[in-house]
């Protein structure tokens, strides 16, 4: 563990948290869709098309994020010397940042469909929403930072990112 470069190690630690948060939000949305009933209409959310579609999209996003995470984790099976290479560190950070951005967009889509009481402190959905919105803008995962570094590298420009 002490021989692994810091950035890939850090990405291996934080990316599962990001993906797990999206899975938690999708599971919480599933439970909420089953239980929720309209305040004014009295109609169960599970019988309405829009909540069904949002739930399907949330479950698909969680599945896709888990596939992306498995691919990221496979990159740590490379020989240690390859993990230290600059391009590998850039790619790992880019992939982790993309996963975080993907999960952020998915949880924000979930949040648009949960109703105002889904943001109460007692709701697990607000916790996932808050956590993913915070994690995705951390310097390690911020999509603007990681894509700029990857773009500069691809163009052969000098890198200004101290985190790689």
N, C-alpha and C. Protein backbone atom coordinates (compact mmCIF):
# COMPACT_ATOMS: atom_id res chain seq x y z
N UNK A 1 0.83 -1.19 0.00
CA UNK A 1 0.00 0.00 0.00
C UNK A 1 0.87 1.26 0.00
N UNK A 2 2.01 1.22 0.71
CA UNK A 2 2.85 2.41 0.82
C UNK A 2 3.66 2.67 -0.44
N UNK A 3 3.64 1.74 -1.39
CA UNK A 3 4.37 1.92 -2.64
C UNK A 3 3.48 2.41 -3.77
N UNK A 4 2.19 2.42 -3.57
CA UNK A 4 1.24 2.87 -4.58
C UNK A 4 1.26 4.40 -4.64
N UNK A 5 1.26 4.98 -5.84
CA UNK A 5 1.21 6.45 -5.91
C UNK A 5 -0.04 6.99 -5.23
N UNK A 6 0.09 8.17 -4.63
CA UNK A 6 -0.99 8.72 -3.81
C UNK A 6 -2.30 8.90 -4.56
N UNK A 7 -2.28 9.52 -5.74
CA UNK A 7 -3.54 9.83 -6.44
C UNK A 7 -4.33 8.56 -6.78
N UNK A 8 -3.73 7.55 -7.39
CA UNK A 8 -4.53 6.34 -7.62
C UNK A 8 -5.05 5.73 -6.31
N UNK A 9 -4.23 5.76 -5.27
CA UNK A 9 -4.67 5.24 -3.97
C UNK A 9 -5.88 6.03 -3.46
N UNK A 10 -5.79 7.36 -3.53
CA UNK A 10 -6.89 8.21 -3.06
C UNK A 10 -8.15 7.98 -3.89
N UNK A 11 -8.00 7.81 -5.20
CA UNK A 11 -9.17 7.58 -6.06
C UNK A 11 -9.80 6.23 -5.74
N UNK A 12 -8.98 5.25 -5.39
CA UNK A 12 -9.51 3.93 -5.03
C UNK A 12 -10.27 3.99 -3.72
N UNK A 13 -9.95 4.95 -2.89
CA UNK A 13 -10.64 5.12 -1.62
C UNK A 13 -11.95 5.88 -1.77
N UNK A 14 -11.96 6.93 -2.60
CA UNK A 14 -13.12 7.82 -2.65
C UNK A 14 -14.15 7.41 -3.72
N UNK A 15 -13.72 6.84 -4.82
CA UNK A 15 -14.67 6.48 -5.89
C UNK A 15 -15.74 5.49 -5.41
N UNK A 16 -15.41 4.47 -4.63
CA UNK A 16 -16.48 3.58 -4.13
C UNK A 16 -17.50 4.31 -3.24
N UNK A 17 -17.06 5.32 -2.52
CA UNK A 17 -17.98 6.10 -1.68
C UNK A 17 -18.97 6.85 -2.57
N UNK A 18 -18.45 7.44 -3.64
CA UNK A 18 -19.30 8.19 -4.58
C UNK A 18 -20.34 7.26 -5.21
N UNK A 19 -19.88 6.12 -5.71
CA UNK A 19 -20.78 5.17 -6.36
C UNK A 19 -21.76 4.58 -5.35
N UNK A 20 -21.29 4.28 -4.16
CA UNK A 20 -22.17 3.76 -3.12
C UNK A 20 -23.24 4.76 -2.71
N UNK A 21 -22.89 6.04 -2.75
CA UNK A 21 -23.88 7.07 -2.44
C UNK A 21 -24.98 7.11 -3.49
N UNK A 22 -24.60 6.97 -4.75
CA UNK A 22 -25.63 6.93 -5.80
C UNK A 22 -26.50 5.69 -5.64
N UNK A 23 -25.90 4.54 -5.35
CA UNK A 23 -26.69 3.32 -5.16
C UNK A 23 -27.63 3.52 -3.97
N UNK A 24 -27.14 4.12 -2.90
CA UNK A 24 -28.00 4.38 -1.74
C UNK A 24 -29.16 5.29 -2.10
N UNK A 25 -28.88 6.32 -2.90
CA UNK A 25 -29.95 7.25 -3.32
C UNK A 25 -30.97 6.53 -4.20
N UNK A 26 -30.50 5.68 -5.10
CA UNK A 26 -31.43 4.93 -5.97
C UNK A 26 -32.28 3.98 -5.15
N UNK A 27 -31.67 3.31 -4.18
CA UNK A 27 -32.44 2.40 -3.31
C UNK A 27 -33.44 3.18 -2.45
N UNK A 28 -33.02 4.34 -1.95
CA UNK A 28 -33.93 5.17 -1.16
C UNK A 28 -35.08 5.68 -2.02
N UNK A 29 -34.78 6.01 -3.27
CA UNK A 29 -35.85 6.46 -4.18
C UNK A 29 -36.83 5.32 -4.44
N UNK A 30 -36.32 4.10 -4.58
CA UNK A 30 -37.19 2.94 -4.77
C UNK A 30 -38.17 2.82 -3.60
N UNK A 31 -37.63 2.87 -2.39
CA UNK A 31 -38.49 2.76 -1.19
C UNK A 31 -39.48 3.92 -1.13
N UNK A 32 -39.01 5.10 -1.42
CA UNK A 32 -39.88 6.29 -1.38
C UNK A 32 -40.98 6.22 -2.43
N UNK A 33 -40.65 5.74 -3.62
CA UNK A 33 -41.64 5.62 -4.69
C UNK A 33 -42.72 4.61 -4.30
N UNK A 34 -42.34 3.57 -3.62
CA UNK A 34 -43.33 2.58 -3.18
C UNK A 34 -44.25 3.13 -2.09
N UNK A 35 -43.69 3.97 -1.21
CA UNK A 35 -44.44 4.45 -0.05
C UNK A 35 -45.20 5.74 -0.29
N UNK A 36 -44.68 6.58 -1.16
CA UNK A 36 -45.19 7.95 -1.29
C UNK A 36 -46.59 8.00 -1.89
N UNK A 37 -47.35 8.94 -1.35
CA UNK A 37 -48.70 9.19 -1.83
C UNK A 37 -48.85 10.70 -1.97
N UNK A 38 -49.44 11.14 -3.07
CA UNK A 38 -49.60 12.57 -3.31
C UNK A 38 -50.40 13.25 -2.20
N UNK A 39 -49.92 14.40 -1.73
CA UNK A 39 -50.60 15.14 -0.67
C UNK A 39 -51.98 15.61 -1.10
N UNK A 40 -52.10 16.04 -2.32
CA UNK A 40 -53.37 16.61 -2.79
C UNK A 40 -54.21 15.59 -3.55
N UNK A 41 -53.54 14.77 -4.36
CA UNK A 41 -54.29 13.83 -5.19
C UNK A 41 -54.59 12.51 -4.46
N UNK A 42 -53.74 12.14 -3.52
CA UNK A 42 -53.91 10.86 -2.85
C UNK A 42 -53.45 9.68 -3.69
N UNK A 43 -52.93 9.94 -4.90
CA UNK A 43 -52.49 8.88 -5.80
C UNK A 43 -51.09 8.41 -5.38
N UNK A 44 -50.91 7.09 -5.35
CA UNK A 44 -49.60 6.55 -5.00
C UNK A 44 -48.60 6.86 -6.11
N UNK A 45 -47.41 7.27 -5.71
CA UNK A 45 -46.36 7.60 -6.68
C UNK A 45 -46.02 6.40 -7.56
N UNK A 46 -46.06 5.21 -6.98
CA UNK A 46 -45.69 4.01 -7.74
C UNK A 46 -46.63 3.73 -8.91
N UNK A 47 -47.81 4.32 -8.91
CA UNK A 47 -48.76 4.10 -10.00
C UNK A 47 -48.67 5.16 -11.09
N UNK A 48 -47.78 6.13 -10.91
CA UNK A 48 -47.65 7.22 -11.88
C UNK A 48 -46.42 7.00 -12.77
N UNK A 49 -46.56 7.40 -14.03
CA UNK A 49 -45.50 7.17 -15.01
C UNK A 49 -44.21 7.94 -14.69
N UNK A 50 -44.31 9.21 -14.32
CA UNK A 50 -43.10 10.02 -14.09
C UNK A 50 -42.22 9.42 -12.98
N UNK A 51 -42.78 9.07 -11.82
CA UNK A 51 -41.92 8.44 -10.80
C UNK A 51 -41.36 7.09 -11.25
N UNK A 52 -42.13 6.33 -12.01
CA UNK A 52 -41.63 5.05 -12.53
C UNK A 52 -40.42 5.28 -13.42
N UNK A 53 -40.51 6.28 -14.29
CA UNK A 53 -39.41 6.58 -15.21
C UNK A 53 -38.19 7.10 -14.46
N UNK A 54 -38.41 7.98 -13.50
CA UNK A 54 -37.28 8.51 -12.71
C UNK A 54 -36.59 7.37 -11.94
N UNK A 55 -37.39 6.47 -11.39
CA UNK A 55 -36.82 5.34 -10.67
C UNK A 55 -36.02 4.46 -11.62
N UNK A 56 -36.57 4.16 -12.78
CA UNK A 56 -35.84 3.35 -13.76
C UNK A 56 -34.53 3.99 -14.17
N UNK A 57 -34.56 5.29 -14.37
CA UNK A 57 -33.34 6.01 -14.74
C UNK A 57 -32.33 5.99 -13.59
N UNK A 58 -32.79 6.14 -12.36
CA UNK A 58 -31.90 6.11 -11.20
C UNK A 58 -31.25 4.74 -11.04
N UNK A 59 -32.02 3.68 -11.21
CA UNK A 59 -31.48 2.34 -11.09
C UNK A 59 -30.47 2.05 -12.20
N UNK A 60 -30.77 2.50 -13.43
CA UNK A 60 -29.83 2.32 -14.54
C UNK A 60 -28.54 3.09 -14.28
N UNK A 61 -28.65 4.31 -13.76
CA UNK A 61 -27.46 5.11 -13.47
C UNK A 61 -26.60 4.44 -12.40
N UNK A 62 -27.23 3.90 -11.37
CA UNK A 62 -26.47 3.22 -10.31
C UNK A 62 -25.75 1.99 -10.87
N UNK A 63 -26.43 1.25 -11.74
CA UNK A 63 -25.80 0.08 -12.37
C UNK A 63 -24.61 0.51 -13.23
N UNK A 64 -24.79 1.56 -14.02
CA UNK A 64 -23.72 2.05 -14.89
C UNK A 64 -22.53 2.55 -14.07
N UNK A 65 -22.80 3.24 -12.97
CA UNK A 65 -21.73 3.74 -12.12
C UNK A 65 -20.92 2.58 -11.53
N UNK A 66 -21.60 1.51 -11.17
CA UNK A 66 -20.90 0.35 -10.62
C UNK A 66 -20.01 -0.31 -11.67
N UNK A 67 -20.46 -0.32 -12.92
CA UNK A 67 -19.63 -0.85 -14.01
C UNK A 67 -18.40 0.03 -14.22
N UNK A 68 -18.60 1.34 -14.22
CA UNK A 68 -17.47 2.27 -14.35
C UNK A 68 -16.49 2.10 -13.20
N UNK A 69 -17.00 1.91 -12.00
CA UNK A 69 -16.13 1.72 -10.84
C UNK A 69 -15.32 0.43 -10.97
N UNK A 70 -15.95 -0.65 -11.40
CA UNK A 70 -15.22 -1.91 -11.58
C UNK A 70 -14.08 -1.73 -12.57
N UNK A 71 -14.33 -0.97 -13.63
CA UNK A 71 -13.29 -0.71 -14.62
C UNK A 71 -12.15 0.10 -14.01
N UNK A 72 -12.49 1.11 -13.23
CA UNK A 72 -11.47 1.90 -12.55
C UNK A 72 -10.64 1.02 -11.62
N UNK A 73 -11.28 0.17 -10.86
CA UNK A 73 -10.57 -0.67 -9.90
C UNK A 73 -9.66 -1.68 -10.61
N UNK A 74 -10.02 -2.10 -11.81
CA UNK A 74 -9.15 -3.01 -12.58
C UNK A 74 -7.83 -2.34 -12.93
N UNK A 75 -7.84 -1.02 -13.05
CA UNK A 75 -6.60 -0.32 -13.40
C UNK A 75 -5.56 -0.46 -12.30
N UNK A 76 -5.97 -0.80 -11.10
CA UNK A 76 -5.03 -0.98 -9.99
C UNK A 76 -4.38 -2.37 -10.00
N UNK A 77 -4.79 -3.21 -10.95
CA UNK A 77 -4.17 -4.51 -11.10
C UNK A 77 -2.89 -4.44 -11.94
N UNK A 78 -2.61 -3.27 -12.49
CA UNK A 78 -1.40 -3.08 -13.30
C UNK A 78 -0.16 -3.20 -12.42
N UNK A 79 0.97 -3.54 -13.04
CA UNK A 79 2.22 -3.54 -12.26
C UNK A 79 2.45 -2.17 -11.63
N UNK A 80 3.07 -2.16 -10.49
CA UNK A 80 3.29 -0.93 -9.74
C UNK A 80 4.01 0.14 -10.55
N UNK A 81 4.97 -0.26 -11.38
CA UNK A 81 5.71 0.72 -12.20
C UNK A 81 4.75 1.48 -13.12
N UNK A 82 3.79 0.78 -13.71
CA UNK A 82 2.82 1.44 -14.59
C UNK A 82 1.92 2.40 -13.82
N UNK A 83 1.58 2.06 -12.59
CA UNK A 83 0.72 2.93 -11.79
C UNK A 83 1.41 4.25 -11.49
N UNK A 84 2.72 4.26 -11.48
CA UNK A 84 3.48 5.49 -11.20
C UNK A 84 3.60 6.38 -12.44
N UNK A 85 3.34 5.85 -13.62
CA UNK A 85 3.49 6.64 -14.85
C UNK A 85 2.50 7.81 -14.85
N UNK A 86 2.97 8.95 -15.34
CA UNK A 86 2.17 10.17 -15.35
C UNK A 86 0.84 9.97 -16.07
N UNK A 87 0.86 9.38 -17.26
CA UNK A 87 -0.38 9.21 -18.02
C UNK A 87 -1.36 8.32 -17.28
N UNK A 88 -0.88 7.32 -16.59
CA UNK A 88 -1.76 6.46 -15.81
C UNK A 88 -2.42 7.25 -14.69
N UNK A 89 -1.66 8.08 -13.99
CA UNK A 89 -2.22 8.88 -12.91
C UNK A 89 -3.26 9.86 -13.45
N UNK A 90 -2.98 10.43 -14.61
CA UNK A 90 -3.96 11.34 -15.24
C UNK A 90 -5.23 10.57 -15.57
N UNK A 91 -5.09 9.39 -16.16
CA UNK A 91 -6.26 8.59 -16.56
C UNK A 91 -7.09 8.16 -15.35
N UNK A 92 -6.42 7.76 -14.29
CA UNK A 92 -7.14 7.33 -13.08
C UNK A 92 -7.92 8.50 -12.51
N UNK A 93 -7.29 9.64 -12.44
CA UNK A 93 -7.97 10.82 -11.90
C UNK A 93 -9.13 11.25 -12.80
N UNK A 94 -8.91 11.19 -14.12
CA UNK A 94 -9.97 11.53 -15.07
C UNK A 94 -11.16 10.58 -14.91
N UNK A 95 -10.88 9.31 -14.84
CA UNK A 95 -11.97 8.34 -14.72
C UNK A 95 -12.72 8.52 -13.40
N UNK A 96 -12.00 8.74 -12.31
CA UNK A 96 -12.66 8.95 -11.02
C UNK A 96 -13.49 10.24 -11.05
N UNK A 97 -12.95 11.29 -11.66
CA UNK A 97 -13.70 12.54 -11.78
C UNK A 97 -14.95 12.38 -12.63
N UNK A 98 -14.83 11.61 -13.71
CA UNK A 98 -16.00 11.36 -14.56
C UNK A 98 -17.06 10.59 -13.79
N UNK A 99 -16.64 9.59 -13.03
CA UNK A 99 -17.59 8.81 -12.22
C UNK A 99 -18.30 9.73 -11.23
N UNK A 100 -17.54 10.61 -10.57
CA UNK A 100 -18.15 11.53 -9.61
C UNK A 100 -19.15 12.45 -10.29
N UNK A 101 -18.80 12.98 -11.45
CA UNK A 101 -19.70 13.87 -12.18
C UNK A 101 -20.96 13.12 -12.63
N UNK A 102 -20.78 11.90 -13.10
CA UNK A 102 -21.91 11.07 -13.52
C UNK A 102 -22.86 10.82 -12.35
N UNK A 103 -22.28 10.46 -11.20
CA UNK A 103 -23.10 10.20 -10.00
C UNK A 103 -23.77 11.48 -9.51
N UNK A 104 -23.06 12.59 -9.57
CA UNK A 104 -23.64 13.88 -9.18
C UNK A 104 -24.86 14.21 -10.03
N UNK A 105 -24.73 14.08 -11.33
CA UNK A 105 -25.87 14.37 -12.22
C UNK A 105 -27.04 13.43 -11.96
N UNK A 106 -26.73 12.16 -11.69
CA UNK A 106 -27.80 11.19 -11.42
C UNK A 106 -28.52 11.50 -10.11
N UNK A 107 -27.77 11.82 -9.06
CA UNK A 107 -28.43 12.12 -7.78
C UNK A 107 -29.20 13.42 -7.86
N UNK A 108 -28.74 14.39 -8.63
CA UNK A 108 -29.48 15.62 -8.80
C UNK A 108 -30.78 15.38 -9.57
N UNK A 109 -30.75 14.45 -10.52
CA UNK A 109 -31.98 14.08 -11.22
C UNK A 109 -32.96 13.39 -10.27
N UNK A 110 -32.43 12.55 -9.39
CA UNK A 110 -33.28 11.92 -8.38
C UNK A 110 -33.91 12.99 -7.50
N UNK A 111 -33.10 13.95 -7.07
CA UNK A 111 -33.58 15.01 -6.16
C UNK A 111 -34.70 15.83 -6.79
N UNK A 112 -34.66 16.02 -8.11
CA UNK A 112 -35.72 16.79 -8.77
C UNK A 112 -37.08 16.09 -8.71
N UNK A 113 -37.06 14.79 -8.44
CA UNK A 113 -38.32 14.06 -8.43
C UNK A 113 -38.76 13.54 -7.08
N UNK A 114 -38.09 13.93 -6.00
CA UNK A 114 -38.44 13.32 -4.72
C UNK A 114 -39.46 14.10 -3.91
N UNK A 115 -39.73 15.34 -4.29
CA UNK A 115 -40.65 16.15 -3.50
C UNK A 115 -39.91 16.85 -2.38
N UNK A 116 -40.50 17.92 -1.88
CA UNK A 116 -39.84 18.77 -0.89
C UNK A 116 -39.54 18.03 0.41
N UNK A 117 -40.42 17.12 0.82
CA UNK A 117 -40.14 16.45 2.09
C UNK A 117 -38.99 15.46 1.98
N UNK A 118 -38.52 15.20 0.78
CA UNK A 118 -37.33 14.37 0.59
C UNK A 118 -36.06 15.06 1.04
N UNK A 119 -36.16 16.37 1.34
CA UNK A 119 -35.01 17.13 1.81
C UNK A 119 -35.04 17.34 3.33
N UNK A 120 -35.99 16.73 3.99
CA UNK A 120 -36.01 16.83 5.46
C UNK A 120 -34.78 16.13 6.02
N UNK A 121 -34.36 16.56 7.17
CA UNK A 121 -33.17 15.98 7.78
C UNK A 121 -33.31 14.48 8.01
N UNK A 122 -34.52 14.02 8.20
CA UNK A 122 -34.75 12.60 8.45
C UNK A 122 -34.68 11.75 7.18
N UNK A 123 -34.63 12.38 6.03
CA UNK A 123 -34.61 11.66 4.75
C UNK A 123 -33.19 11.28 4.36
N UNK A 124 -32.99 10.01 4.05
CA UNK A 124 -31.65 9.59 3.60
C UNK A 124 -31.33 10.18 2.23
N UNK A 125 -32.36 10.50 1.45
CA UNK A 125 -32.10 11.07 0.12
C UNK A 125 -31.37 12.41 0.22
N UNK A 126 -31.73 13.24 1.19
CA UNK A 126 -31.04 14.53 1.31
C UNK A 126 -29.59 14.33 1.70
N UNK A 127 -29.30 13.28 2.46
CA UNK A 127 -27.93 12.99 2.84
C UNK A 127 -27.10 12.61 1.61
N UNK A 128 -27.64 11.72 0.77
CA UNK A 128 -26.93 11.33 -0.45
C UNK A 128 -26.76 12.53 -1.37
N UNK A 129 -27.80 13.33 -1.51
CA UNK A 129 -27.74 14.54 -2.34
C UNK A 129 -26.63 15.47 -1.84
N UNK A 130 -26.63 15.75 -0.56
CA UNK A 130 -25.64 16.66 0.03
C UNK A 130 -24.23 16.08 -0.12
N UNK A 131 -24.07 14.81 0.21
CA UNK A 131 -22.74 14.20 0.16
C UNK A 131 -22.18 14.18 -1.26
N UNK A 132 -22.99 13.81 -2.23
CA UNK A 132 -22.48 13.77 -3.61
C UNK A 132 -22.21 15.16 -4.15
N UNK A 133 -23.04 16.12 -3.78
CA UNK A 133 -22.78 17.48 -4.25
C UNK A 133 -21.51 18.05 -3.63
N UNK A 134 -21.16 17.62 -2.44
CA UNK A 134 -19.90 18.06 -1.82
C UNK A 134 -18.72 17.30 -2.41
N UNK A 135 -18.80 15.99 -2.49
CA UNK A 135 -17.68 15.19 -2.97
C UNK A 135 -17.29 15.53 -4.41
N UNK A 136 -18.27 15.77 -5.25
CA UNK A 136 -18.00 16.00 -6.67
C UNK A 136 -17.27 17.31 -6.93
N UNK A 137 -17.27 18.23 -5.99
CA UNK A 137 -16.55 19.48 -6.20
C UNK A 137 -15.23 19.53 -5.43
N UNK A 138 -14.87 18.42 -4.79
CA UNK A 138 -13.58 18.34 -4.12
C UNK A 138 -12.48 18.43 -5.18
N UNK A 139 -11.36 19.00 -4.85
CA UNK A 139 -10.27 19.20 -5.81
C UNK A 139 -9.83 17.89 -6.47
N UNK A 140 -9.90 16.77 -5.77
CA UNK A 140 -9.51 15.49 -6.36
C UNK A 140 -10.44 15.05 -7.48
N UNK A 141 -11.73 15.39 -7.37
CA UNK A 141 -12.74 14.85 -8.28
C UNK A 141 -13.38 15.88 -9.20
N UNK A 142 -13.17 17.16 -8.95
CA UNK A 142 -13.85 18.21 -9.71
C UNK A 142 -13.66 17.99 -11.21
N UNK A 143 -14.76 17.84 -11.93
CA UNK A 143 -14.71 17.48 -13.35
C UNK A 143 -13.98 18.53 -14.18
N UNK A 144 -14.10 19.79 -13.82
CA UNK A 144 -13.40 20.82 -14.58
C UNK A 144 -11.89 20.68 -14.43
N UNK A 145 -11.43 20.43 -13.22
CA UNK A 145 -9.99 20.26 -12.99
C UNK A 145 -9.44 19.04 -13.70
N UNK A 146 -10.13 17.91 -13.56
CA UNK A 146 -9.58 16.68 -14.13
C UNK A 146 -9.63 16.68 -15.65
N UNK A 147 -10.68 17.26 -16.23
CA UNK A 147 -10.75 17.29 -17.69
C UNK A 147 -9.76 18.29 -18.27
N UNK A 148 -9.51 19.40 -17.57
CA UNK A 148 -8.49 20.33 -18.04
C UNK A 148 -7.12 19.65 -18.08
N UNK A 149 -6.78 18.95 -17.02
CA UNK A 149 -5.50 18.25 -16.97
C UNK A 149 -5.40 17.21 -18.08
N UNK A 150 -6.46 16.43 -18.27
CA UNK A 150 -6.45 15.41 -19.33
C UNK A 150 -6.34 16.06 -20.70
N UNK A 151 -7.05 17.16 -20.90
CA UNK A 151 -6.98 17.87 -22.18
C UNK A 151 -5.61 18.45 -22.44
N UNK A 152 -5.02 19.07 -21.44
CA UNK A 152 -3.67 19.64 -21.58
C UNK A 152 -2.67 18.53 -21.91
N UNK A 153 -2.81 17.40 -21.24
CA UNK A 153 -1.91 16.27 -21.51
C UNK A 153 -2.07 15.78 -22.94
N UNK A 154 -3.31 15.62 -23.36
CA UNK A 154 -3.58 15.13 -24.72
C UNK A 154 -3.01 16.08 -25.78
N UNK A 155 -3.02 17.37 -25.48
CA UNK A 155 -2.52 18.37 -26.43
C UNK A 155 -1.02 18.60 -26.30
N UNK A 156 -0.37 17.89 -25.37
CA UNK A 156 1.06 18.04 -25.20
C UNK A 156 1.46 19.33 -24.53
N UNK A 157 0.54 19.93 -23.80
CA UNK A 157 0.82 21.18 -23.11
C UNK A 157 1.38 20.90 -21.72
N UNK A 158 2.09 21.86 -21.15
CA UNK A 158 2.61 21.67 -19.79
C UNK A 158 1.45 21.51 -18.79
N UNK A 159 1.65 20.64 -17.82
CA UNK A 159 0.61 20.37 -16.83
C UNK A 159 0.82 21.29 -15.63
N UNK A 160 -0.29 21.83 -15.15
CA UNK A 160 -0.24 22.75 -14.01
C UNK A 160 -0.98 22.20 -12.80
N UNK A 161 -1.31 20.93 -12.84
CA UNK A 161 -2.11 20.29 -11.80
C UNK A 161 -1.20 19.66 -10.75
N UNK A 162 -1.17 20.21 -9.55
CA UNK A 162 -0.29 19.64 -8.51
C UNK A 162 -0.79 18.31 -7.95
N UNK A 163 -2.00 17.91 -8.32
CA UNK A 163 -2.59 16.69 -7.75
C UNK A 163 -2.30 15.43 -8.56
N UNK A 164 -1.51 15.52 -9.62
CA UNK A 164 -1.20 14.31 -10.37
C UNK A 164 0.24 13.92 -10.11
